[in-house]
PDB file of N, CA and C in Angstrom:
ATOM      1  N   UNK A   1      14.851  -3.999  10.524  1.00  0.00           N
ATOM      2  CA  UNK A   1      15.779  -5.015  10.924  1.00  0.00           C
ATOM      3  C   UNK A   1      15.836  -5.065  12.440  1.00  0.00           C
ATOM      4  N   UNK A   2      15.828  -6.266  12.989  1.00  0.00           N
ATOM      5  CA  UNK A   2      15.842  -6.409  14.435  1.00  0.00           C
ATOM      6  C   UNK A   2      17.207  -6.077  15.017  1.00  0.00           C
ATOM      7  N   UNK A   3      17.189  -5.392  16.151  1.00  0.00           N
ATOM      8  CA  UNK A   3      18.422  -5.103  16.851  1.00  0.00           C
ATOM      9  C   UNK A   3      19.012  -6.420  17.342  1.00  0.00           C
ATOM     10  N   UNK A   4      20.315  -6.596  17.131  1.00  0.00           N
ATOM     11  CA  UNK A   4      20.984  -7.797  17.587  1.00  0.00           C
ATOM     12  C   UNK A   4      20.906  -8.959  16.608  1.00  0.00           C
ATOM     13  N   UNK A   5      20.262  -8.756  15.461  1.00  0.00           N
ATOM     14  CA  UNK A   5      20.181  -9.835  14.472  1.00  0.00           C
ATOM     15  C   UNK A   5      21.561 -10.089  13.888  1.00  0.00           C
ATOM     16  N   UNK A   6      21.866 -11.347  13.645  1.00  0.00           N
ATOM     17  CA  UNK A   6      23.154 -11.712  13.062  1.00  0.00           C
ATOM     18  C   UNK A   6      23.138 -11.399  11.574  1.00  0.00           C
ATOM     19  N   UNK A   7      24.176 -10.715  11.127  1.00  0.00           N
ATOM     20  CA  UNK A   7      24.351 -10.423   9.710  1.00  0.00           C
ATOM     21  C   UNK A   7      25.539 -11.239   9.241  1.00  0.00           C
ATOM     22  N   UNK A   8      25.432 -11.824   8.079  1.00  0.00           N
ATOM     23  CA  UNK A   8      26.471 -12.721   7.611  1.00  0.00           C
ATOM     24  C   UNK A   8      27.472 -11.981   6.754  1.00  0.00           C
ATOM     25  N   UNK A   9      28.729 -12.338   6.958  1.00  0.00           N
ATOM     26  CA  UNK A   9      29.834 -11.663   6.295  1.00  0.00           C
ATOM     27  C   UNK A   9      29.670 -11.713   4.780  1.00  0.00           C
ATOM     28  N   UNK A  10      30.142 -10.688   4.122  1.00  0.00           N
ATOM     29  CA  UNK A  10      30.051 -10.677   2.668  1.00  0.00           C
ATOM     30  C   UNK A  10      30.683 -11.923   2.065  1.00  0.00           C
ATOM     31  N   UNK A  11      30.097 -12.383   0.966  1.00  0.00           N
ATOM     32  CA  UNK A  11      30.667 -13.546   0.306  1.00  0.00           C
ATOM     33  C   UNK A  11      31.990 -13.175  -0.351  1.00  0.00           C
ATOM     34  N   UNK A  12      32.730 -14.184  -0.726  1.00  0.00           N
ATOM     35  CA  UNK A  12      34.034 -13.977  -1.346  1.00  0.00           C
ATOM     36  C   UNK A  12      33.839 -13.368  -2.728  1.00  0.00           C
ATOM     37  N   UNK A  13      34.139 -12.094  -2.853  1.00  0.00           N
ATOM     38  CA  UNK A  13      33.949 -11.407  -4.126  1.00  0.00           C
ATOM     39  C   UNK A  13      35.013 -11.805  -5.148  1.00  0.00           C
ATOM     40  N   UNK A  14      36.130 -12.403  -4.684  1.00  0.00           N
ATOM     41  CA  UNK A  14      37.205 -12.778  -5.593  1.00  0.00           C
ATOM     42  C   UNK A  14      37.003 -14.150  -6.214  1.00  0.00           C
ATOM     43  N   UNK A  15      35.936 -14.831  -5.860  1.00  0.00           N
ATOM     44  CA  UNK A  15      35.668 -16.166  -6.397  1.00  0.00           C
ATOM     45  C   UNK A  15      35.097 -16.065  -7.815  1.00  0.00           C
ATOM     46  N   UNK A  16      35.385 -17.083  -8.603  1.00  0.00           N
ATOM     47  CA  UNK A  16      34.831 -17.184  -9.952  1.00  0.00           C
ATOM     48  C   UNK A  16      33.640 -18.131  -9.877  1.00  0.00           C
ATOM     49  N   UNK A  17      32.499 -17.695 -10.392  1.00  0.00           N
ATOM     50  CA  UNK A  17      31.267 -18.486 -10.291  1.00  0.00           C
ATOM     51  C   UNK A  17      30.757 -18.812 -11.693  1.00  0.00           C
ATOM     52  N   UNK A  18      30.459 -20.091 -11.898  1.00  0.00           N
ATOM     53  CA  UNK A  18      29.881 -20.547 -13.163  1.00  0.00           C
ATOM     54  C   UNK A  18      28.680 -21.436 -12.865  1.00  0.00           C
ATOM     55  N   UNK A  19      27.626 -21.241 -13.610  1.00  0.00           N
ATOM     56  CA  UNK A  19      26.444 -22.080 -13.445  1.00  0.00           C
ATOM     57  C   UNK A  19      26.488 -23.205 -14.470  1.00  0.00           C
ATOM     58  N   UNK A  20      26.276 -24.431 -13.987  1.00  0.00           N
ATOM     59  CA  UNK A  20      26.192 -25.613 -14.836  1.00  0.00           C
ATOM     60  C   UNK A  20      24.866 -26.294 -14.543  1.00  0.00           C
ATOM     61  N   UNK A  21      23.903 -26.095 -15.397  1.00  0.00           N
ATOM     62  CA  UNK A  21      22.546 -26.598 -15.203  1.00  0.00           C
ATOM     63  C   UNK A  21      21.985 -26.077 -13.889  1.00  0.00           C
ATOM     64  N   UNK A  22      21.733 -26.971 -12.920  1.00  0.00           N
ATOM     65  CA  UNK A  22      21.143 -26.508 -11.658  1.00  0.00           C
ATOM     66  C   UNK A  22      22.157 -26.448 -10.523  1.00  0.00           C
ATOM     67  N   UNK A  23      23.451 -26.495 -10.855  1.00  0.00           N
ATOM     68  CA  UNK A  23      24.504 -26.371  -9.842  1.00  0.00           C
ATOM     69  C   UNK A  23      25.398 -25.187 -10.178  1.00  0.00           C
ATOM     70  N   UNK A  24      26.118 -24.736  -9.166  1.00  0.00           N
ATOM     71  CA  UNK A  24      27.049 -23.639  -9.350  1.00  0.00           C
ATOM     72  C   UNK A  24      28.434 -24.106  -8.932  1.00  0.00           C
ATOM     73  N   UNK A  25      29.422 -23.806  -9.755  1.00  0.00           N
ATOM     74  CA  UNK A  25      30.808 -24.090  -9.417  1.00  0.00           C
ATOM     75  C   UNK A  25      31.410 -22.767  -8.956  1.00  0.00           C
ATOM     76  N   UNK A  26      31.957 -22.768  -7.756  1.00  0.00           N
ATOM     77  CA  UNK A  26      32.604 -21.578  -7.204  1.00  0.00           C
ATOM     78  C   UNK A  26      34.080 -21.908  -7.061  1.00  0.00           C
ATOM     79  N   UNK A  27      34.915 -21.189  -7.803  1.00  0.00           N
ATOM     80  CA  UNK A  27      36.358 -21.407  -7.753  1.00  0.00           C
ATOM     81  C   UNK A  27      36.979 -20.319  -6.892  1.00  0.00           C
ATOM     82  N   UNK A  28      37.638 -20.743  -5.823  1.00  0.00           N
ATOM     83  CA  UNK A  28      38.305 -19.828  -4.896  1.00  0.00           C
ATOM     84  C   UNK A  28      39.744 -19.660  -5.365  1.00  0.00           C
ATOM     85  N   UNK A  29      40.058 -18.511  -5.953  1.00  0.00           N
ATOM     86  CA  UNK A  29      41.398 -18.265  -6.494  1.00  0.00           C
ATOM     87  C   UNK A  29      42.464 -18.252  -5.407  1.00  0.00           C
ATOM     88  N   UNK A  30      42.073 -17.867  -4.206  1.00  0.00           N
ATOM     89  CA  UNK A  30      43.037 -17.787  -3.108  1.00  0.00           C
ATOM     90  C   UNK A  30      43.540 -19.170  -2.688  1.00  0.00           C
ATOM     91  N   UNK A  31      42.657 -20.157  -2.684  1.00  0.00           N
ATOM     92  CA  UNK A  31      43.036 -21.503  -2.237  1.00  0.00           C
ATOM     93  C   UNK A  31      43.153 -22.509  -3.380  1.00  0.00           C
ATOM     94  N   UNK A  32      42.813 -22.093  -4.589  1.00  0.00           N
ATOM     95  CA  UNK A  32      42.810 -22.985  -5.754  1.00  0.00           C
ATOM     96  C   UNK A  32      41.888 -24.181  -5.564  1.00  0.00           C
ATOM     97  N   UNK A  33      40.754 -23.965  -4.904  1.00  0.00           N
ATOM     98  CA  UNK A  33      39.757 -25.015  -4.703  1.00  0.00           C
ATOM     99  C   UNK A  33      38.463 -24.628  -5.413  1.00  0.00           C
ATOM    100  N   UNK A  34      37.818 -25.640  -5.975  1.00  0.00           N
ATOM    101  CA  UNK A  34      36.505 -25.442  -6.585  1.00  0.00           C
ATOM    102  C   UNK A  34      35.461 -26.088  -5.686  1.00  0.00           C
ATOM    103  N   UNK A  35      34.323 -25.458  -5.575  1.00  0.00           N
ATOM    104  CA  UNK A  35      33.233 -25.946  -4.734  1.00  0.00           C
ATOM    105  C   UNK A  35      31.979 -26.030  -5.590  1.00  0.00           C
ATOM    106  N   UNK A  36      31.245 -27.112  -5.431  1.00  0.00           N
ATOM    107  CA  UNK A  36      29.990 -27.306  -6.154  1.00  0.00           C
ATOM    108  C   UNK A  36      28.836 -27.013  -5.199  1.00  0.00           C
ATOM    109  N   UNK A  37      28.015 -26.039  -5.557  1.00  0.00           N
ATOM    110  CA  UNK A  37      26.873 -25.657  -4.726  1.00  0.00           C
ATOM    111  C   UNK A  37      25.583 -25.967  -5.465  1.00  0.00           C
ATOM    112  N   UNK A  38      24.618 -26.510  -4.735  1.00  0.00           N
ATOM    113  CA  UNK A  38      23.302 -26.646  -5.357  1.00  0.00           C
ATOM    114  C   UNK A  38      22.687 -25.250  -5.445  1.00  0.00           C
ATOM    115  N   UNK A  39      21.574 -25.133  -6.140  1.00  0.00           N
ATOM    116  CA  UNK A  39      21.001 -23.804  -6.368  1.00  0.00           C
ATOM    117  C   UNK A  39      20.587 -23.116  -5.073  1.00  0.00           C
ATOM    118  N   UNK A  40      20.129 -23.871  -4.081  1.00  0.00           N
ATOM    119  CA  UNK A  40      19.732 -23.270  -2.803  1.00  0.00           C
ATOM    120  C   UNK A  40      20.939 -22.679  -2.088  1.00  0.00           C
ATOM    121  N   UNK A  41      22.021 -23.453  -1.974  1.00  0.00           N
ATOM    122  CA  UNK A  41      23.234 -22.951  -1.315  1.00  0.00           C
ATOM    123  C   UNK A  41      23.800 -21.755  -2.073  1.00  0.00           C
ATOM    124  N   UNK A  42      23.746 -21.803  -3.398  1.00  0.00           N
ATOM    125  CA  UNK A  42      24.243 -20.682  -4.200  1.00  0.00           C
ATOM    126  C   UNK A  42      23.413 -19.424  -3.960  1.00  0.00           C
ATOM    127  N   UNK A  43      22.094 -19.578  -3.868  1.00  0.00           N
ATOM    128  CA  UNK A  43      21.237 -18.418  -3.599  1.00  0.00           C
ATOM    129  C   UNK A  43      21.543 -17.813  -2.230  1.00  0.00           C
ATOM    130  N   UNK A  44      21.720 -18.656  -1.223  1.00  0.00           N
ATOM    131  CA  UNK A  44      22.072 -18.163   0.115  1.00  0.00           C
ATOM    132  C   UNK A  44      23.410 -17.437   0.042  1.00  0.00           C
ATOM    133  N   UNK A  45      24.397 -18.032  -0.627  1.00  0.00           N
ATOM    134  CA  UNK A  45      25.739 -17.442  -0.731  1.00  0.00           C
ATOM    135  C   UNK A  45      25.682 -16.064  -1.377  1.00  0.00           C
ATOM    136  N   UNK A  46      24.899 -15.944  -2.450  1.00  0.00           N
ATOM    137  CA  UNK A  46      24.805 -14.655  -3.146  1.00  0.00           C
ATOM    138  C   UNK A  46      24.170 -13.576  -2.266  1.00  0.00           C
ATOM    139  N   UNK A  47      23.321 -13.984  -1.324  1.00  0.00           N
ATOM    140  CA  UNK A  47      22.641 -13.018  -0.457  1.00  0.00           C
ATOM    141  C   UNK A  47      23.440 -12.662   0.798  1.00  0.00           C
ATOM    142  N   UNK A  48      24.538 -13.354   1.053  1.00  0.00           N
ATOM    143  CA  UNK A  48      25.391 -13.027   2.207  1.00  0.00           C
ATOM    144  C   UNK A  48      26.225 -11.802   1.851  1.00  0.00           C
ATOM    145  N   UNK A  49      25.719 -10.645   2.195  1.00  0.00           N
ATOM    146  CA  UNK A  49      26.369  -9.391   1.825  1.00  0.00           C
ATOM    147  C   UNK A  49      26.814  -8.570   3.027  1.00  0.00           C
ATOM    148  N   UNK A  50      26.671  -9.130   4.227  1.00  0.00           N
ATOM    149  CA  UNK A  50      27.043  -8.398   5.431  1.00  0.00           C
ATOM    150  C   UNK A  50      25.954  -7.472   5.934  1.00  0.00           C
ATOM    151  N   UNK A  51      24.897  -7.323   5.162  1.00  0.00           N
ATOM    152  CA  UNK A  51      23.796  -6.435   5.521  1.00  0.00           C
ATOM    153  C   UNK A  51      22.539  -7.202   5.919  1.00  0.00           C
ATOM    154  N   UNK A  52      22.348  -8.366   5.336  1.00  0.00           N
ATOM    155  CA  UNK A  52      21.116  -9.132   5.572  1.00  0.00           C
ATOM    156  C   UNK A  52      21.263 -10.096   6.743  1.00  0.00           C
ATOM    157  N   UNK A  53      20.211 -10.198   7.530  1.00  0.00           N
ATOM    158  CA  UNK A  53      20.130 -11.215   8.582  1.00  0.00           C
ATOM    159  C   UNK A  53      19.595 -12.494   7.943  1.00  0.00           C
ATOM    160  N   UNK A  54      19.613 -13.578   8.700  1.00  0.00           N
ATOM    161  CA  UNK A  54      19.088 -14.832   8.169  1.00  0.00           C
ATOM    162  C   UNK A  54      17.619 -14.686   7.785  1.00  0.00           C
ATOM    163  N   UNK A  55      16.831 -14.020   8.618  1.00  0.00           N
ATOM    164  CA  UNK A  55      15.409 -13.858   8.287  1.00  0.00           C
ATOM    165  C   UNK A  55      15.240 -13.030   7.013  1.00  0.00           C
ATOM    166  N   UNK A  56      16.110 -12.068   6.781  1.00  0.00           N
ATOM    167  CA  UNK A  56      16.038 -11.274   5.549  1.00  0.00           C
ATOM    168  C   UNK A  56      16.443 -12.105   4.333  1.00  0.00           C
ATOM    169  N   UNK A  57      17.429 -12.980   4.503  1.00  0.00           N
ATOM    170  CA  UNK A  57      17.822 -13.876   3.412  1.00  0.00           C
ATOM    171  C   UNK A  57      16.647 -14.786   3.058  1.00  0.00           C
ATOM    172  N   UNK A  58      16.017 -15.370   4.077  1.00  0.00           N
ATOM    173  CA  UNK A  58      14.870 -16.258   3.857  1.00  0.00           C
ATOM    174  C   UNK A  58      13.735 -15.499   3.168  1.00  0.00           C
ATOM    175  N   UNK A  59      13.435 -14.294   3.645  1.00  0.00           N
ATOM    176  CA  UNK A  59      12.357 -13.483   3.063  1.00  0.00           C
ATOM    177  C   UNK A  59      12.666 -13.138   1.601  1.00  0.00           C
ATOM    178  N   UNK A  60      13.908 -12.768   1.314  1.00  0.00           N
ATOM    179  CA  UNK A  60      14.302 -12.434  -0.058  1.00  0.00           C
ATOM    180  C   UNK A  60      14.139 -13.635  -0.974  1.00  0.00           C
ATOM    181  N   UNK A  61      14.515 -14.811  -0.483  1.00  0.00           N
ATOM    182  CA  UNK A  61      14.367 -16.022  -1.290  1.00  0.00           C
ATOM    183  C   UNK A  61      12.895 -16.352  -1.528  1.00  0.00           C
ATOM    184  N   UNK A  62      12.054 -16.139  -0.514  1.00  0.00           N
ATOM    185  CA  UNK A  62      10.614 -16.378  -0.683  1.00  0.00           C
ATOM    186  C   UNK A  62      10.034 -15.457  -1.750  1.00  0.00           C
ATOM    187  N   UNK A  63      10.444 -14.194  -1.726  1.00  0.00           N
ATOM    188  CA  UNK A  63       9.957 -13.234  -2.717  1.00  0.00           C
ATOM    189  C   UNK A  63      10.415 -13.607  -4.124  1.00  0.00           C
ATOM    190  N   UNK A  64      11.573 -14.253  -4.224  1.00  0.00           N
ATOM    191  CA  UNK A  64      12.114 -14.662  -5.527  1.00  0.00           C
ATOM    192  C   UNK A  64      11.588 -16.032  -5.955  1.00  0.00           C
ATOM    193  N   UNK A  65      10.595 -16.532  -5.240  1.00  0.00           N
ATOM    194  CA  UNK A  65       9.983 -17.837  -5.538  1.00  0.00           C
ATOM    195  C   UNK A  65      10.954 -19.002  -5.320  1.00  0.00           C
ATOM    196  N   UNK A  66      11.888 -18.837  -4.370  1.00  0.00           N
ATOM    197  CA  UNK A  66      12.800 -19.910  -3.965  1.00  0.00           C
ATOM    198  C   UNK A  66      12.687 -20.086  -2.463  1.00  0.00           C
ATOM    199  N   UNK A  67      11.524 -20.527  -1.964  1.00  0.00           N
ATOM    200  CA  UNK A  67      11.352 -20.611  -0.509  1.00  0.00           C
ATOM    201  C   UNK A  67      12.344 -21.570   0.138  1.00  0.00           C
ATOM    202  N   UNK A  68      12.750 -21.212   1.343  1.00  0.00           N
ATOM    203  CA  UNK A  68      13.703 -22.011   2.106  1.00  0.00           C
ATOM    204  C   UNK A  68      13.301 -21.913   3.574  1.00  0.00           C
ATOM    205  N   UNK A  69      13.373 -23.020   4.298  1.00  0.00           N
ATOM    206  CA  UNK A  69      13.068 -22.927   5.724  1.00  0.00           C
ATOM    207  C   UNK A  69      14.354 -22.610   6.495  1.00  0.00           C
ATOM    208  N   UNK A  70      14.186 -22.194   7.731  1.00  0.00           N
ATOM    209  CA  UNK A  70      15.324 -21.729   8.528  1.00  0.00           C
ATOM    210  C   UNK A  70      16.371 -22.820   8.738  1.00  0.00           C
ATOM    211  N   UNK A  71      15.922 -24.040   8.961  1.00  0.00           N
ATOM    212  CA  UNK A  71      16.866 -25.141   9.196  1.00  0.00           C
ATOM    213  C   UNK A  71      17.752 -25.374   7.968  1.00  0.00           C
ATOM    214  N   UNK A  72      17.155 -25.344   6.785  1.00  0.00           N
ATOM    215  CA  UNK A  72      17.907 -25.533   5.550  1.00  0.00           C
ATOM    216  C   UNK A  72      18.848 -24.357   5.302  1.00  0.00           C
ATOM    217  N   UNK A  73      18.414 -23.149   5.650  1.00  0.00           N
ATOM    218  CA  UNK A  73      19.270 -21.971   5.491  1.00  0.00           C
ATOM    219  C   UNK A  73      20.505 -22.081   6.381  1.00  0.00           C
ATOM    220  N   UNK A  74      20.329 -22.521   7.638  1.00  0.00           N
ATOM    221  CA  UNK A  74      21.478 -22.715   8.529  1.00  0.00           C
ATOM    222  C   UNK A  74      22.416 -23.783   7.975  1.00  0.00           C
ATOM    223  N   UNK A  75      21.841 -24.848   7.411  1.00  0.00           N
ATOM    224  CA  UNK A  75      22.659 -25.916   6.845  1.00  0.00           C
ATOM    225  C   UNK A  75      23.500 -25.379   5.677  1.00  0.00           C
ATOM    226  N   UNK A  76      22.897 -24.555   4.829  1.00  0.00           N
ATOM    227  CA  UNK A  76      23.626 -23.954   3.715  1.00  0.00           C
ATOM    228  C   UNK A  76      24.739 -23.046   4.227  1.00  0.00           C
ATOM    229  N   UNK A  77      24.445 -22.246   5.256  1.00  0.00           N
ATOM    230  CA  UNK A  77      25.466 -21.355   5.816  1.00  0.00           C
ATOM    231  C   UNK A  77      26.636 -22.142   6.394  1.00  0.00           C
ATOM    232  N   UNK A  78      26.342 -23.251   7.073  1.00  0.00           N
ATOM    233  CA  UNK A  78      27.433 -24.076   7.620  1.00  0.00           C
ATOM    234  C   UNK A  78      28.288 -24.662   6.499  1.00  0.00           C
ATOM    235  N   UNK A  79      27.651 -25.097   5.409  1.00  0.00           N
ATOM    236  CA  UNK A  79      28.390 -25.641   4.268  1.00  0.00           C
ATOM    237  C   UNK A  79      29.278 -24.558   3.647  1.00  0.00           C
ATOM    238  N   UNK A  80      28.732 -23.375   3.472  1.00  0.00           N
ATOM    239  CA  UNK A  80      29.503 -22.266   2.908  1.00  0.00           C
ATOM    240  C   UNK A  80      30.667 -21.892   3.815  1.00  0.00           C
ATOM    241  N   UNK A  81      30.417 -21.887   5.118  1.00  0.00           N
ATOM    242  CA  UNK A  81      31.450 -21.566   6.091  1.00  0.00           C
ATOM    243  C   UNK A  81      32.573 -22.605   6.035  1.00  0.00           C
ATOM    244  N   UNK A  82      32.205 -23.877   6.028  1.00  0.00           N
ATOM    245  CA  UNK A  82      33.193 -24.963   5.991  1.00  0.00           C
ATOM    246  C   UNK A  82      34.036 -24.898   4.718  1.00  0.00           C
ATOM    247  N   UNK A  83      33.418 -24.482   3.612  1.00  0.00           N
ATOM    248  CA  UNK A  83      34.130 -24.369   2.340  1.00  0.00           C
ATOM    249  C   UNK A  83      35.005 -23.119   2.273  1.00  0.00           C
ATOM    250  N   UNK A  84      34.889 -22.228   3.265  1.00  0.00           N
ATOM    251  CA  UNK A  84      35.687 -21.004   3.265  1.00  0.00           C
ATOM    252  C   UNK A  84      35.169 -19.953   2.300  1.00  0.00           C
ATOM    253  N   UNK A  85      33.895 -20.019   1.957  1.00  0.00           N
ATOM    254  CA  UNK A  85      33.328 -19.081   0.993  1.00  0.00           C
ATOM    255  C   UNK A  85      32.715 -17.838   1.628  1.00  0.00           C
ATOM    256  N   UNK A  86      32.789 -17.735   2.939  1.00  0.00           N
ATOM    257  CA  UNK A  86      32.354 -16.530   3.644  1.00  0.00           C
ATOM    258  C   UNK A  86      33.582 -15.918   4.306  1.00  0.00           C
ATOM    259  N   UNK A  87      33.575 -14.623   4.482  1.00  0.00           N
ATOM    260  CA  UNK A  87      34.746 -13.939   5.026  1.00  0.00           C
ATOM    261  C   UNK A  87      34.909 -14.105   6.527  1.00  0.00           C
ATOM    262  N   UNK A  88      33.816 -14.375   7.222  1.00  0.00           N
ATOM    263  CA  UNK A  88      33.871 -14.541   8.674  1.00  0.00           C
ATOM    264  C   UNK A  88      33.141 -15.817   9.058  1.00  0.00           C
ATOM    265  N   UNK A  89      33.511 -16.429  10.193  1.00  0.00           N
ATOM    266  CA  UNK A  89      32.823 -17.652  10.624  1.00  0.00           C
ATOM    267  C   UNK A  89      31.338 -17.412  10.885  1.00  0.00           C
ATOM    268  N   UNK A  90      30.564 -18.443  10.631  1.00  0.00           N
ATOM    269  CA  UNK A  90      29.122 -18.398  10.882  1.00  0.00           C
ATOM    270  C   UNK A  90      28.884 -18.845  12.313  1.00  0.00           C
ATOM    271  N   UNK A  91      28.131 -18.076  13.094  1.00  0.00           N
ATOM    272  CA  UNK A  91      27.849 -18.494  14.472  1.00  0.00           C
ATOM    273  C   UNK A  91      26.914 -19.702  14.493  1.00  0.00           C
ATOM    274  N   UNK A  92      26.853 -20.349  15.619  1.00  0.00           N
ATOM    275  CA  UNK A  92      25.915 -21.466  15.777  1.00  0.00           C
ATOM    276  C   UNK A  92      24.494 -20.927  15.758  1.00  0.00           C
ATOM    277  N   UNK A  93      23.553 -21.715  15.233  1.00  0.00           N
ATOM    278  CA  UNK A  93      22.163 -21.254  15.241  1.00  0.00           C
ATOM    279  C   UNK A  93      21.656 -21.116  16.669  1.00  0.00           C
ATOM    280  N   UNK A  94      20.742 -20.183  16.902  1.00  0.00           N
ATOM    281  CA  UNK A  94      20.196 -20.024  18.254  1.00  0.00           C
ATOM    282  C   UNK A  94      19.418 -21.270  18.662  1.00  0.00           C
ATOM    283  N   UNK A  95      19.456 -21.575  19.938  1.00  0.00           N
ATOM    284  CA  UNK A  95      18.716 -22.732  20.451  1.00  0.00           C
ATOM    285  C   UNK A  95      17.248 -22.377  20.557  1.00  0.00           C
ATOM    286  N   UNK A  96      16.414 -23.341  20.222  1.00  0.00           N
ATOM    287  CA  UNK A  96      14.962 -23.111  20.233  1.00  0.00           C
ATOM    288  C   UNK A  96      14.427 -23.005  21.629  1.00  0.00           C
TER     289      UNK A  96
END
């Protein structure tokens, strides 16, 4: 793991998750809100454990035959952050 790599806060362990076909419904008991995630966003959310960096999340998804590019991964993280499904705010992506 690279020194200084951003690790994403653990996902909300208190949420109730149900899969409906190719989407996931995540119910946040704390706020009484339900969120609909596509399979890509759900996979990213499940891998946010506070230990993995973005590159590790991408690599893990590639190994699981669910490839994702970095731009799409950042987009998923921003969506998860906005929905309040991560414990800590997601930083802005690094500038190229």
